Amino acid sequence: MEKFSNEVWVFVEQRSGKPAEVSFELLSKGRKLAEILKGTLKAVVIGSEMHKVARQTFQYGAKECLLVDHPELKDYKTVPYSRVMIELVSKYIPRVVLYGASFIGRDLAPRVASYTRSGLTADCTDLQISDLTYLRKDYKDLLLQIRPAFGGNIIATIITPDVPIQMATVREGVMENVPLDTAVKGKIVEIPYTPDKIDKMINIIEKYQEENKVNLKSAPIIVAGGYGMGSKENFGVLHELAHVIGGEVAGSRAAVDAGFIPHERQVGQTGVTVRPKLYVACGISGAIQHRAGMQNSNKIIAINNDPEAPIFDVCHYGIVGNVMDVIPDFIEAYKHKLK
């Protein structure tokens, strides 16, 4: 790998032919990165009967879609998908490759990165392109891979300057989904797939898939509680407030660990990343891990009895007080207002 392009690739994940939301979010971010690199955004689609999905990538700015379409690729399987991606990355040597940090992306990305000796950072919360001087050596157009580290106590910027290909996985909801008003006139490049005996080392006998019943990502209003709520019973006032203002109830990791609220409603680095119009943080201290999942909300109201709580650094409106005193007043005020 003596030379590399200035291409930004996004692996478009699909399950049963349906593209993952995170892939479109990464195409939106990849478009911006490609503009900075003065390069080209490309999508990689692997599956069966995926031409429609390939064309969808043009709505997000992909100028080219590398399509590997074959009946044996209908469902994700580690060996054939890894082999296809390794062959493509080794042949074209893109500058940046992005994957969703789903179970598929977390399985695929490290295999491709290891084989191609590429840099890889998992669970990034931000991606930037910059020129840097590192150990007295100048590097151009490095991918800054930004993520919480050391248990979320710091935000680390990771670089991989000594390799031509830089890869990252990003969780769903971290990047904004921004389709273009008019799709670009992109080109689908069909890559032939040649089955190999090793591809059938593992066969899918049966598949069970259940959609998540809680969709925090789409909620315009979220009322979230932390360990400061004190008990599972006290979360009842948050459910009441959410009912009055038409929102969903969520919680921090500390609240989930304490059994106050189920894991599927967790917001933060190890939960869901959300961007609601209104986020009400109740009894949440505001550790980095939690802020990473909600700091891009349009408006944030924080209620905490500790005036030094970090949540007040990111909120638009802060109330210092006991949540069990403040929330009932909120409920009464909204009930009268919404009559």
C-alpha atoms as a PDB file:
ATOM      1  CA  MET A   1       0.000   0.000   0.000  1.00  0.00           C
ATOM      2  CA  GLU A   2       2.359   2.679  -1.177  1.00  0.00           C
ATOM      3  CA  LYS A   3      -0.266   5.219  -2.116  1.00  0.00           C
ATOM      4  CA  PHE A   4      -3.810   6.010  -1.112  1.00  0.00           C
ATOM      5  CA  SER A   5      -6.766   7.872  -2.532  1.00  0.00           C
ATOM      6  CA  ASN A   6      -8.756  10.643  -0.903  1.00  0.00           C
ATOM      7  CA  GLU A   7     -11.922   8.572  -0.996  1.00  0.00           C
ATOM      8  CA  VAL A   8     -14.314   8.216   1.938  1.00  0.00           C
ATOM      9  CA  TRP A   9     -16.175   4.908   2.023  1.00  0.00           C
ATOM     10  CA  VAL A  10     -19.252   3.969   4.028  1.00  0.00           C
ATOM     11  CA  PHE A  11     -20.216   0.335   4.496  1.00  0.00           C
ATOM     12  CA  VAL A  12     -24.011   0.280   4.107  1.00  0.00           C
ATOM     13  CA  GLU A  13     -25.352  -2.304   6.513  1.00  0.00           C
ATOM     14  CA  GLN A  14     -28.567  -4.148   5.685  1.00  0.00           C
ATOM     15  CA  ARG A  15     -30.753  -6.685   7.420  1.00  0.00           C
ATOM     16  CA  SER A  16     -33.297  -8.595   5.331  1.00  0.00           C
ATOM     17  CA  GLY A  17     -32.714  -6.083   2.550  1.00  0.00           C
ATOM     18  CA  LYS A  18     -33.523  -3.075   4.748  1.00  0.00           C
ATOM     19  CA  PRO A  19     -30.667  -0.546   5.096  1.00  0.00           C
ATOM     20  CA  ALA A  20     -29.653   0.482   8.604  1.00  0.00           C
ATOM     21  CA  GLU A  21     -30.358   4.066   9.652  1.00  0.00           C
ATOM     22  CA  VAL A  22     -26.790   4.442  10.901  1.00  0.00           C
ATOM     23  CA  SER A  23     -25.471   3.920   7.360  1.00  0.00           C
ATOM     24  CA  PHE A  24     -27.346   6.983   6.089  1.00  0.00           C
ATOM     25  CA  GLU A  25     -26.087   8.969   9.073  1.00  0.00           C
ATOM     26  CA  LEU A  26     -22.535   7.959   8.161  1.00  0.00           C
ATOM     27  CA  LEU A  27     -23.074   8.874   4.509  1.00  0.00           C
ATOM     28  CA  SER A  28     -24.191  12.342   5.694  1.00  0.00           C
ATOM     29  CA  LYS A  29     -21.011  12.686   7.775  1.00  0.00           C
ATOM     30  CA  GLY A  30     -18.870  11.076   5.093  1.00  0.00           C
ATOM     31  CA  ARG A  31     -20.061  13.672   2.595  1.00  0.00           C
ATOM     32  CA  LYS A  32     -18.633  16.443   4.805  1.00  0.00           C
ATOM     33  CA  LEU A  33     -15.360  14.576   5.328  1.00  0.00           C
ATOM     34  CA  ALA A  34     -15.008  14.006   1.581  1.00  0.00           C
ATOM     35  CA  GLU A  35     -15.539  17.719   0.928  1.00  0.00           C
ATOM     36  CA  ILE A  36     -12.693  18.593   3.331  1.00  0.00           C
ATOM     37  CA  LEU A  37     -10.464  15.983   1.687  1.00  0.00           C
ATOM     38  CA  LYS A  38     -11.511  17.283  -1.746  1.00  0.00           C
ATOM     39  CA  GLY A  39     -12.280  13.664  -2.443  1.00  0.00           C
ATOM     40  CA  THR A  40     -15.139  11.341  -3.321  1.00  0.00           C
ATOM     41  CA  LEU A  41     -17.802   9.743  -1.148  1.00  0.00           C
ATOM     42  CA  LYS A  42     -18.471   6.106  -2.031  1.00  0.00           C
ATOM     43  CA  ALA A  43     -20.892   3.563  -0.582  1.00  0.00           C
ATOM     44  CA  VAL A  44     -20.302  -0.175  -0.351  1.00  0.00           C
ATOM     45  CA  VAL A  45     -23.466  -2.303  -0.503  1.00  0.00           C
ATOM     46  CA  ILE A  46     -23.297  -6.075  -0.052  1.00  0.00           C
ATOM     47  CA  GLY A  47     -26.377  -8.290  -0.209  1.00  0.00           C
ATOM     48  CA  SER A  48     -28.985  -9.742  -2.548  1.00  0.00           C
ATOM     49  CA  GLU A  49     -31.294  -7.649  -4.763  1.00  0.00           C
ATOM     50  CA  MET A  50     -29.855  -4.444  -3.333  1.00  0.00           C
ATOM     51  CA  HIS A  51     -30.037  -2.159  -6.383  1.00  0.00           C
ATOM     52  CA  LYS A  52     -32.721   0.009  -4.769  1.00  0.00           C
ATOM     53  CA  VAL A  53     -30.582   0.518  -1.658  1.00  0.00           C
ATOM     54  CA  ALA A  54     -27.581   1.280  -3.872  1.00  0.00           C
ATOM     55  CA  ARG A  55     -29.562   4.078  -5.576  1.00  0.00           C
ATOM     56  CA  GLN A  56     -30.659   5.418  -2.149  1.00  0.00           C
ATOM     57  CA  THR A  57     -27.032   6.203  -1.325  1.00  0.00           C
ATOM     58  CA  PHE A  58     -27.025   8.871  -4.072  1.00  0.00           C
ATOM     59  CA  GLN A  59     -29.603  10.802  -2.030  1.00  0.00           C
ATOM     60  CA  TYR A  60     -26.885  11.213   0.596  1.00  0.00           C
ATOM     61  CA  GLY A  61     -24.126  12.328  -1.742  1.00  0.00           C
ATOM     62  CA  ALA A  62     -22.425   9.066  -2.690  1.00  0.00           C
ATOM     63  CA  LYS A  63     -20.994   9.585  -6.178  1.00  0.00           C
ATOM     64  CA  GLU A  64     -20.344   5.905  -6.605  1.00  0.00           C
ATOM     65  CA  CYS A  65     -21.764   2.744  -5.069  1.00  0.00           C
ATOM     66  CA  LEU A  66     -19.732  -0.438  -5.116  1.00  0.00           C
ATOM     67  CA  LEU A  67     -22.433  -3.117  -5.259  1.00  0.00           C
ATOM     68  CA  VAL A  68     -21.726  -6.776  -4.568  1.00  0.00           C
ATOM     69  CA  ASP A  69     -25.045  -8.503  -5.233  1.00  0.00           C
ATOM     70  CA  HIS A  70     -25.513 -12.271  -4.989  1.00  0.00           C
ATOM     71  CA  PRO A  71     -28.181 -14.587  -3.495  1.00  0.00           C
ATOM     72  CA  GLU A  72     -25.603 -16.129  -1.129  1.00  0.00           C
ATOM     73  CA  LEU A  73     -24.962 -12.667   0.359  1.00  0.00           C
ATOM     74  CA  LYS A  74     -28.584 -12.056   1.378  1.00  0.00           C
ATOM     75  CA  ASP A  75     -27.826 -12.331   5.104  1.00  0.00           C
ATOM     76  CA  TYR A  76     -24.721 -11.086   6.873  1.00  0.00           C
ATOM     77  CA  LYS A  77     -22.141 -13.821   7.381  1.00  0.00           C
ATOM     78  CA  THR A  78     -18.705 -13.015   8.728  1.00  0.00           C
ATOM     79  CA  VAL A  79     -16.528 -14.929   6.267  1.00  0.00           C
ATOM     80  CA  PRO A  80     -17.932 -13.889   2.854  1.00  0.00           C
ATOM     81  CA  TYR A  81     -18.603 -10.279   3.879  1.00  0.00           C
ATOM     82  CA  SER A  82     -15.105  -9.929   5.350  1.00  0.00           C
ATOM     83  CA  ARG A  83     -13.554 -11.461   2.238  1.00  0.00           C
ATOM     84  CA  VAL A  84     -15.448  -9.072  -0.051  1.00  0.00           C
ATOM     85  CA  MET A  85     -14.564  -5.973   2.002  1.00  0.00           C
ATOM     86  CA  ILE A  86     -10.906  -7.001   2.336  1.00  0.00           C
ATOM     87  CA  GLU A  87     -10.620  -7.467  -1.431  1.00  0.00           C
ATOM     88  CA  LEU A  88     -12.217  -4.088  -2.153  1.00  0.00           C
ATOM     89  CA  VAL A  89     -10.202  -2.139   0.450  1.00  0.00           C
ATOM     90  CA  SER A  90      -6.940  -3.813  -0.607  1.00  0.00           C
ATOM     91  CA  LYS A  91      -7.579  -3.034  -4.273  1.00  0.00           C
ATOM     92  CA  TYR A  92      -8.765   0.596  -4.066  1.00  0.00           C
ATOM     93  CA  ILE A  93      -7.083   1.769  -0.827  1.00  0.00           C
ATOM     94  CA  PRO A  94      -9.610   4.405   0.349  1.00  0.00           C
ATOM     95  CA  ARG A  95      -8.457   7.049   2.822  1.00  0.00           C
ATOM     96  CA  VAL A  96     -11.368   6.632   5.269  1.00  0.00           C
ATOM     97  CA  VAL A  97     -13.787   3.718   5.820  1.00  0.00           C
ATOM     98  CA  LEU A  98     -16.784   4.092   8.171  1.00  0.00           C
ATOM     99  CA  TYR A  99     -18.990   1.388   9.676  1.00  0.00           C
ATOM    100  CA  GLY A 100     -21.956   1.488  12.035  1.00  0.00           C
ATOM    101  CA  ALA A 101     -21.068   0.283  15.535  1.00  0.00           C
ATOM    102  CA  SER A 102     -23.770  -2.393  15.403  1.00  0.00           C
ATOM    103  CA  PHE A 103     -23.125  -6.090  15.978  1.00  0.00           C
ATOM    104  CA  ILE A 104     -22.448  -6.336  12.235  1.00  0.00           C
ATOM    105  CA  GLY A 105     -20.064  -3.370  12.078  1.00  0.00           C
ATOM    106  CA  ARG A 106     -18.260  -4.445  15.251  1.00  0.00           C
ATOM    107  CA  ASP A 107     -17.749  -7.901  13.757  1.00  0.00           C
ATOM    108  CA  LEU A 108     -16.712  -6.764  10.268  1.00  0.00           C
ATOM    109  CA  ALA A 109     -14.567  -3.662  10.855  1.00  0.00           C
ATOM    110  CA  PRO A 110     -11.799  -5.215  12.999  1.00  0.00           C
ATOM    111  CA  ARG A 111     -11.397  -8.140  10.598  1.00  0.00           C
ATOM    112  CA  VAL A 112     -10.958  -5.835   7.610  1.00  0.00           C
ATOM    113  CA  ALA A 113      -8.702  -3.448   9.555  1.00  0.00           C
ATOM    114  CA  SER A 114      -6.507  -6.283  10.822  1.00  0.00           C
ATOM    115  CA  TYR A 115      -6.027  -7.883   7.396  1.00  0.00           C
ATOM    116  CA  THR A 116      -5.346  -4.581   5.615  1.00  0.00           C
ATOM    117  CA  ARG A 117      -3.258  -3.218   8.537  1.00  0.00           C
ATOM    118  CA  SER A 118      -5.495  -0.174   8.811  1.00  0.00           C
ATOM    119  CA  GLY A 119      -6.109   2.100  11.784  1.00  0.00           C
ATOM    120  CA  LEU A 120      -9.428   1.540  13.570  1.00  0.00           C
ATOM    121  CA  THR A 121     -11.186   3.282  16.455  1.00  0.00           C
ATOM    122  CA  ALA A 122     -14.485   1.960  17.834  1.00  0.00           C
ATOM    123  CA  ASP A 123     -17.545   3.864  19.056  1.00  0.00           C
ATOM    124  CA  CYS A 124     -16.526   7.325  17.868  1.00  0.00           C
ATOM    125  CA  THR A 125     -18.741  10.244  18.854  1.00  0.00           C
ATOM    126  CA  ASP A 126     -17.167  12.696  16.388  1.00  0.00           C
ATOM    127  CA  LEU A 127     -14.988  12.562  13.282  1.00  0.00           C
ATOM    128  CA  GLN A 128     -12.890  15.382  11.845  1.00  0.00           C
ATOM    129  CA  ILE A 129     -10.200  15.846   9.210  1.00  0.00           C
ATOM    130  CA  SER A 130      -7.103  17.856  10.104  1.00  0.00           C
ATOM    131  CA  ASP A 131      -3.399  18.372   9.326  1.00  0.00           C
ATOM    132  CA  LEU A 132      -1.246  17.551  12.358  1.00  0.00           C
ATOM    133  CA  THR A 133       2.342  17.547  13.520  1.00  0.00           C
ATOM    134  CA  TYR A 134       3.078  14.443  15.569  1.00  0.00           C
ATOM    135  CA  LEU A 135       6.514  13.531  16.912  1.00  0.00           C
ATOM    136  CA  ARG A 136       8.026  16.334  14.800  1.00  0.00           C
ATOM    137  CA  LYS A 137       6.574  14.920  11.622  1.00  0.00           C
ATOM    138  CA  ASP A 138       3.866  16.625   9.565  1.00  0.00           C
ATOM    139  CA  TYR A 139       0.824  14.620   8.538  1.00  0.00           C
ATOM    140  CA  LYS A 140      -1.818  15.795   6.074  1.00  0.00           C
ATOM    141  CA  ASP A 141      -5.516  14.989   6.147  1.00  0.00           C
ATOM    142  CA  LEU A 142      -5.590  12.778   9.216  1.00  0.00           C
ATOM    143  CA  LEU A 143      -8.881  11.417  10.478  1.00  0.00           C
ATOM    144  CA  LEU A 144      -9.401  12.587  14.066  1.00  0.00           C
ATOM    145  CA  GLN A 145     -11.303   9.773  15.767  1.00  0.00           C
ATOM    146  CA  ILE A 146     -12.949  11.266  18.844  1.00  0.00           C
ATOM    147  CA  ARG A 147     -14.519   9.184  21.617  1.00  0.00           C
ATOM    148  CA  PRO A 148     -14.843   8.957  25.416  1.00  0.00           C
ATOM    149  CA  ALA A 149     -12.038   6.970  27.067  1.00  0.00           C
ATOM    150  CA  PHE A 150     -10.955   5.759  30.512  1.00  0.00           C
ATOM    151  CA  GLY A 151     -14.492   4.901  31.512  1.00  0.00           C
ATOM    152  CA  GLY A 152     -15.799   8.139  30.038  1.00  0.00           C
ATOM    153  CA  ASN A 153     -13.652  10.351  32.240  1.00  0.00           C
ATOM    154  CA  ILE A 154     -11.958  12.033  29.260  1.00  0.00           C
ATOM    155  CA  ILE A 155     -12.681  12.695  25.607  1.00  0.00           C
ATOM    156  CA  ALA A 156      -9.802  11.238  23.607  1.00  0.00           C
ATOM    157  CA  THR A 157      -8.745  12.201  20.080  1.00  0.00           C
ATOM    158  CA  ILE A 158      -7.171   9.172  18.438  1.00  0.00           C
ATOM    159  CA  ILE A 159      -5.042   9.300  15.286  1.00  0.00           C
ATOM    160  CA  THR A 160      -3.502   6.541  13.170  1.00  0.00           C
ATOM    161  CA  PRO A 161      -0.830   8.477  11.237  1.00  0.00           C
ATOM    162  CA  ASP A 162       1.403   5.596  10.140  1.00  0.00           C
ATOM    163  CA  VAL A 163      -1.142   3.766   7.991  1.00  0.00           C
ATOM    164  CA  PRO A 164      -2.761   4.865   4.721  1.00  0.00           C
ATOM    165  CA  ILE A 165      -6.283   3.666   5.600  1.00  0.00           C
ATOM    166  CA  GLN A 166      -8.177   4.990   8.619  1.00  0.00           C
ATOM    167  CA  MET A 167     -11.332   3.283   9.836  1.00  0.00           C
ATOM    168  CA  ALA A 168     -13.928   4.044  12.487  1.00  0.00           C
ATOM    169  CA  THR A 169     -17.169   2.635  13.831  1.00  0.00           C
ATOM    170  CA  VAL A 170     -19.910   5.034  14.953  1.00  0.00           C
ATOM    171  CA  ARG A 171     -23.047   4.229  16.906  1.00  0.00           C
ATOM    172  CA  GLU A 172     -26.531   4.945  15.583  1.00  0.00           C
ATOM    173  CA  GLY A 173     -27.811   8.443  16.311  1.00  0.00           C
ATOM    174  CA  VAL A 174     -24.399  10.035  16.894  1.00  0.00           C
ATOM    175  CA  MET A 175     -24.262  11.644  13.435  1.00  0.00           C
ATOM    176  CA  GLU A 176     -27.126  13.630  11.944  1.00  0.00           C
ATOM    177  CA  ASN A 177     -29.112  12.118   9.072  1.00  0.00           C
ATOM    178  CA  VAL A 178     -29.107  14.835   6.362  1.00  0.00           C
ATOM    179  CA  PRO A 179     -30.274  13.749   2.895  1.00  0.00           C
ATOM    180  CA  LEU A 180     -29.696  16.066  -0.058  1.00  0.00           C
ATOM    181  CA  ASP A 181     -32.600  17.969  -1.602  1.00  0.00           C
ATOM    182  CA  THR A 182     -31.626  16.484  -4.951  1.00  0.00           C
ATOM    183  CA  ALA A 183     -29.820  13.174  -5.333  1.00  0.00           C
ATOM    184  CA  VAL A 184     -26.456  13.240  -7.104  1.00  0.00           C
ATOM    185  CA  LYS A 185     -26.096  11.448 -10.417  1.00  0.00           C
ATOM    186  CA  GLY A 186     -24.151   8.593  -8.991  1.00  0.00           C
ATOM    187  CA  LYS A 187     -22.811   5.452 -10.622  1.00  0.00           C
ATOM    188  CA  ILE A 188     -23.408   1.868  -9.509  1.00  0.00           C
ATOM    189  CA  VAL A 189     -20.310  -0.255 -10.023  1.00  0.00           C
ATOM    190  CA  GLU A 190     -21.246  -3.925  -9.859  1.00  0.00           C
ATOM    191  CA  ILE A 191     -18.502  -6.090  -8.377  1.00  0.00           C
ATOM    192  CA  PRO A 192     -18.749  -9.815  -9.254  1.00  0.00           C
ATOM    193  CA  TYR A 193     -18.912 -12.243  -6.345  1.00  0.00           C
ATOM    194  CA  THR A 194     -17.272 -15.644  -6.643  1.00  0.00           C
ATOM    195  CA  PRO A 195     -18.426 -18.060  -3.932  1.00  0.00           C
ATOM    196  CA  ASP A 196     -15.757 -19.939  -2.022  1.00  0.00           C
ATOM    197  CA  LYS A 197     -16.077 -23.213  -0.098  1.00  0.00           C
ATOM    198  CA  ILE A 198     -14.866 -21.446   3.055  1.00  0.00           C
ATOM    199  CA  ASP A 199     -17.913 -19.137   2.890  1.00  0.00           C
ATOM    200  CA  LYS A 200     -20.108 -22.073   3.915  1.00  0.00           C
ATOM    201  CA  MET A 201     -18.206 -22.808   7.109  1.00  0.00           C
ATOM    202  CA  ILE A 202     -21.205 -21.249   8.879  1.00  0.00           C
ATOM    203  CA  ASN A 203     -24.766 -21.450   7.592  1.00  0.00           C
ATOM    204  CA  ILE A 204     -27.795 -19.625   8.962  1.00  0.00           C
ATOM    205  CA  ILE A 205     -30.412 -22.261   9.819  1.00  0.00           C
ATOM    206  CA  GLU A 206     -33.049 -19.996  11.351  1.00  0.00           C
ATOM    207  CA  LYS A 207     -33.168 -16.299  12.107  1.00  0.00           C
ATOM    208  CA  TYR A 208     -35.226 -14.535  14.773  1.00  0.00           C
ATOM    209  CA  GLN A 209     -35.468 -10.778  14.639  1.00  0.00           C
ATOM    210  CA  GLU A 210     -37.542  -8.566  16.900  1.00  0.00           C
ATOM    211  CA  GLU A 211     -37.942  -4.846  16.451  1.00  0.00           C
ATOM    212  CA  ASN A 212     -37.201  -2.677  19.472  1.00  0.00           C
ATOM    213  CA  LYS A 213     -40.494  -1.610  21.053  1.00  0.00           C
ATOM    214  CA  VAL A 214     -38.954   1.582  22.421  1.00  0.00           C
ATOM    215  CA  ASN A 215     -37.899   4.179  19.847  1.00  0.00           C
ATOM    216  CA  LEU A 216     -36.196   6.959  21.786  1.00  0.00           C
ATOM    217  CA  LYS A 217     -34.429   8.203  18.647  1.00  0.00           C
ATOM    218  CA  SER A 218     -37.684   9.385  17.094  1.00  0.00           C
ATOM    219  CA  ALA A 219     -39.145  10.942  20.260  1.00  0.00           C
ATOM    220  CA  PRO A 220     -39.407  14.759  19.995  1.00  0.00           C
ATOM    221  CA  ILE A 221     -39.542  15.058  23.812  1.00  0.00           C
ATOM    222  CA  ILE A 222     -37.617  12.938  26.327  1.00  0.00           C
ATOM    223  CA  VAL A 223     -37.894  13.063  30.104  1.00  0.00           C
ATOM    224  CA  ALA A 224     -34.825  11.330  31.544  1.00  0.00           C
ATOM    225  CA  GLY A 225     -34.001  10.383  35.103  1.00  0.00           C
ATOM    226  CA  GLY A 226     -30.738   9.531  36.811  1.00  0.00           C
ATOM    227  CA  TYR A 227     -29.602   7.897  40.025  1.00  0.00           C
ATOM    228  CA  GLY A 228     -30.601  11.133  41.770  1.00  0.00           C
ATOM    229  CA  MET A 229     -34.266  10.130  41.352  1.00  0.00           C
ATOM    230  CA  GLY A 230     -33.669   7.885  44.373  1.00  0.00           C
ATOM    231  CA  SER A 231     -35.905   4.918  43.509  1.00  0.00           C
ATOM    232  CA  LYS A 232     -37.881   3.132  40.817  1.00  0.00           C
ATOM    233  CA  GLU A 233     -41.084   4.402  42.431  1.00  0.00           C
ATOM    234  CA  ASN A 234     -39.926   8.011  42.071  1.00  0.00           C
ATOM    235  CA  PHE A 235     -39.638   7.453  38.315  1.00  0.00           C
ATOM    236  CA  GLY A 236     -43.432   7.444  38.380  1.00  0.00           C
ATOM    237  CA  VAL A 237     -43.470  11.263  38.350  1.00  0.00           C
ATOM    238  CA  LEU A 238     -41.301  11.227  35.210  1.00  0.00           C
ATOM    239  CA  HIS A 239     -43.772   8.896  33.491  1.00  0.00           C
ATOM    240  CA  GLU A 240     -46.568  11.254  34.525  1.00  0.00           C
ATOM    241  CA  LEU A 241     -44.707  14.305  33.179  1.00  0.00           C
ATOM    242  CA  ALA A 242     -43.910  12.497  29.928  1.00  0.00           C
ATOM    243  CA  HIS A 243     -47.583  11.557  29.547  1.00  0.00           C
ATOM    244  CA  VAL A 244     -48.699  15.174  30.059  1.00  0.00           C
ATOM    245  CA  ILE A 245     -46.259  16.677  27.519  1.00  0.00           C
ATOM    246  CA  GLY A 246     -46.277  13.797  25.026  1.00  0.00           C
ATOM    247  CA  GLY A 247     -42.755  12.497  25.599  1.00  0.00           C
ATOM    248  CA  GLU A 248     -40.839   9.288  26.243  1.00  0.00           C
ATOM    249  CA  VAL A 249     -39.125   8.339  29.498  1.00  0.00           C
ATOM    250  CA  ALA A 250     -35.415   7.518  29.503  1.00  0.00           C
ATOM    251  CA  GLY A 251     -32.627   7.101  32.021  1.00  0.00           C
ATOM    252  CA  SER A 252     -28.903   7.302  32.614  1.00  0.00           C
ATOM    253  CA  ARG A 253     -26.695   4.236  33.006  1.00  0.00           C
ATOM    254  CA  ALA A 254     -26.629   4.714  36.775  1.00  0.00           C
ATOM    255  CA  ALA A 255     -30.441   4.616  36.835  1.00  0.00           C
ATOM    256  CA  VAL A 256     -30.456   1.475  34.673  1.00  0.00           C
ATOM    257  CA  ASP A 257     -27.825  -0.226  36.851  1.00  0.00           C
ATOM    258  CA  ALA A 258     -29.896   0.611  39.922  1.00  0.00           C
ATOM    259  CA  GLY A 259     -32.959  -1.040  38.358  1.00  0.00           C
ATOM    260  CA  PHE A 260     -34.971   2.188  38.125  1.00  0.00           C
ATOM    261  CA  ILE A 261     -35.589   1.798  34.357  1.00  0.00           C
ATOM    262  CA  PRO A 262     -34.945  -0.910  31.721  1.00  0.00           C
ATOM    263  CA  HIS A 263     -31.797  -0.919  29.579  1.00  0.00           C
ATOM    264  CA  GLU A 264     -33.644  -0.250  26.298  1.00  0.00           C
ATOM    265  CA  ARG A 265     -34.438   3.225  27.646  1.00  0.00           C
ATOM    266  CA  GLN A 266     -30.816   4.085  28.488  1.00  0.00           C
ATOM    267  CA  VAL A 267     -29.355   7.248  26.938  1.00  0.00           C
ATOM    268  CA  GLY A 268     -25.600   7.668  26.716  1.00  0.00           C
ATOM    269  CA  GLN A 269     -22.376   6.197  25.393  1.00  0.00           C
ATOM    270  CA  THR A 270     -23.465   2.622  26.183  1.00  0.00           C
ATOM    271  CA  GLY A 271     -27.123   3.286  25.400  1.00  0.00           C
ATOM    272  CA  VAL A 272     -28.960   5.298  22.754  1.00  0.00           C
ATOM    273  CA  THR A 273     -27.875   8.617  21.266  1.00  0.00           C
ATOM    274  CA  VAL A 274     -30.810  11.035  20.899  1.00  0.00           C
ATOM    275  CA  ARG A 275     -31.483  14.481  19.420  1.00  0.00           C
ATOM    276  CA  PRO A 276     -34.988  15.456  20.627  1.00  0.00           C
ATOM    277  CA  LYS A 277     -36.476  18.933  20.454  1.00  0.00           C
ATOM    278  CA  LEU A 278     -36.664  18.908  24.271  1.00  0.00           C
ATOM    279  CA  TYR A 279     -34.641  16.860  26.769  1.00  0.00           C
ATOM    280  CA  VAL A 280     -35.531  17.138  30.458  1.00  0.00           C
ATOM    281  CA  ALA A 281     -32.716  15.753  32.638  1.00  0.00           C
ATOM    282  CA  CYS A 282     -33.903  14.969  36.153  1.00  0.00           C
ATOM    283  CA  GLY A 283     -31.457  13.958  38.869  1.00  0.00           C
ATOM    284  CA  ILE A 284     -28.749  13.318  36.286  1.00  0.00           C
ATOM    285  CA  SER A 285     -25.281  14.520  37.238  1.00  0.00           C
ATOM    286  CA  GLY A 286     -24.127  14.730  33.601  1.00  0.00           C
ATOM    287  CA  ALA A 287     -21.110  12.439  33.301  1.00  0.00           C
ATOM    288  CA  ILE A 288     -19.350  12.465  29.923  1.00  0.00           C
ATOM    289  CA  GLN A 289     -20.862   9.099  29.017  1.00  0.00           C
ATOM    290  CA  HIS A 290     -24.397  10.472  29.383  1.00  0.00           C
ATOM    291  CA  ARG A 291     -23.712  13.833  27.748  1.00  0.00           C
ATOM    292  CA  ALA A 292     -22.344  12.024  24.680  1.00  0.00           C
ATOM    293  CA  GLY A 293     -25.827  10.613  24.129  1.00  0.00           C
ATOM    294  CA  MET A 294     -27.933  13.771  24.521  1.00  0.00           C
ATOM    295  CA  GLN A 295     -25.847  16.956  24.241  1.00  0.00           C
ATOM    296  CA  ASN A 296     -27.076  17.650  20.697  1.00  0.00           C
ATOM    297  CA  SER A 297     -30.689  17.990  21.845  1.00  0.00           C
ATOM    298  CA  ASN A 298     -32.334  21.180  20.607  1.00  0.00           C
ATOM    299  CA  LYS A 299     -33.255  22.350  24.133  1.00  0.00           C
ATOM    300  CA  ILE A 300     -32.096  20.857  27.436  1.00  0.00           C
ATOM    301  CA  ILE A 301     -33.702  21.511  30.839  1.00  0.00           C
ATOM    302  CA  ALA A 302     -31.723  20.184  33.810  1.00  0.00           C
ATOM    303  CA  ILE A 303     -33.022  19.709  37.344  1.00  0.00           C
ATOM    304  CA  ASN A 304     -30.496  18.781  40.031  1.00  0.00           C
ATOM    305  CA  ASN A 305     -29.938  19.636  43.681  1.00  0.00           C
ATOM    306  CA  ASP A 306     -26.176  19.979  43.118  1.00  0.00           C
ATOM    307  CA  PRO A 307     -25.371  23.400  41.605  1.00  0.00           C
ATOM    308  CA  GLU A 308     -21.944  22.084  40.532  1.00  0.00           C
ATOM    309  CA  ALA A 309     -23.353  19.148  38.548  1.00  0.00           C
ATOM    310  CA  PRO A 310     -21.736  18.891  35.073  1.00  0.00           C
ATOM    311  CA  ILE A 311     -25.181  18.668  33.441  1.00  0.00           C
ATOM    312  CA  PHE A 312     -25.526  22.421  33.995  1.00  0.00           C
ATOM    313  CA  ASP A 313     -22.599  22.971  31.607  1.00  0.00           C
ATOM    314  CA  VAL A 314     -24.610  21.671  28.631  1.00  0.00           C
ATOM    315  CA  CYS A 315     -28.189  22.631  29.516  1.00  0.00           C
ATOM    316  CA  HIS A 316     -30.042  25.671  28.187  1.00  0.00           C
ATOM    317  CA  TYR A 317     -32.148  26.062  31.344  1.00  0.00           C
ATOM    318  CA  GLY A 318     -31.016  24.846  34.755  1.00  0.00           C
ATOM    319  CA  ILE A 319     -33.048  24.450  37.960  1.00  0.00           C
ATOM    320  CA  VAL A 320     -31.259  23.806  41.244  1.00  0.00           C
ATOM    321  CA  GLY A 321     -33.646  21.913  43.463  1.00  0.00           C
ATOM    322  CA  ASN A 322     -35.097  18.581  44.528  1.00  0.00           C
ATOM    323  CA  VAL A 323     -36.607  16.848  41.495  1.00  0.00           C
ATOM    324  CA  MET A 324     -39.451  15.445  43.618  1.00  0.00           C
ATOM    325  CA  ASP A 325     -40.462  19.016  44.460  1.00  0.00           C
ATOM    326  CA  VAL A 326     -39.890  20.537  41.017  1.00  0.00           C
ATOM    327  CA  ILE A 327     -41.435  17.867  38.734  1.00  0.00           C
ATOM    328  CA  PRO A 328     -44.915  17.916  40.361  1.00  0.00           C
ATOM    329  CA  ASP A 329     -44.939  21.706  39.843  1.00  0.00           C
ATOM    330  CA  PHE A 330     -44.004  21.122  36.193  1.00  0.00           C
ATOM    331  CA  ILE A 331     -46.872  18.659  35.833  1.00  0.00           C
ATOM    332  CA  GLU A 332     -49.421  21.043  37.338  1.00  0.00           C
ATOM    333  CA  ALA A 333     -48.178  23.963  35.227  1.00  0.00           C
ATOM    334  CA  TYR A 334     -48.340  21.938  31.984  1.00  0.00           C
ATOM    335  CA  LYS A 335     -51.788  20.556  32.820  1.00  0.00           C
ATOM    336  CA  HIS A 336     -53.179  24.088  33.187  1.00  0.00           C
ATOM    337  CA  LYS A 337     -51.295  25.349  30.160  1.00  0.00           C
ATOM    338  CA  LEU A 338     -52.448  22.519  27.911  1.00  0.00           C
ATOM    339  CA  LYS A 339     -56.120  22.707  28.859  1.00  0.00           C
END
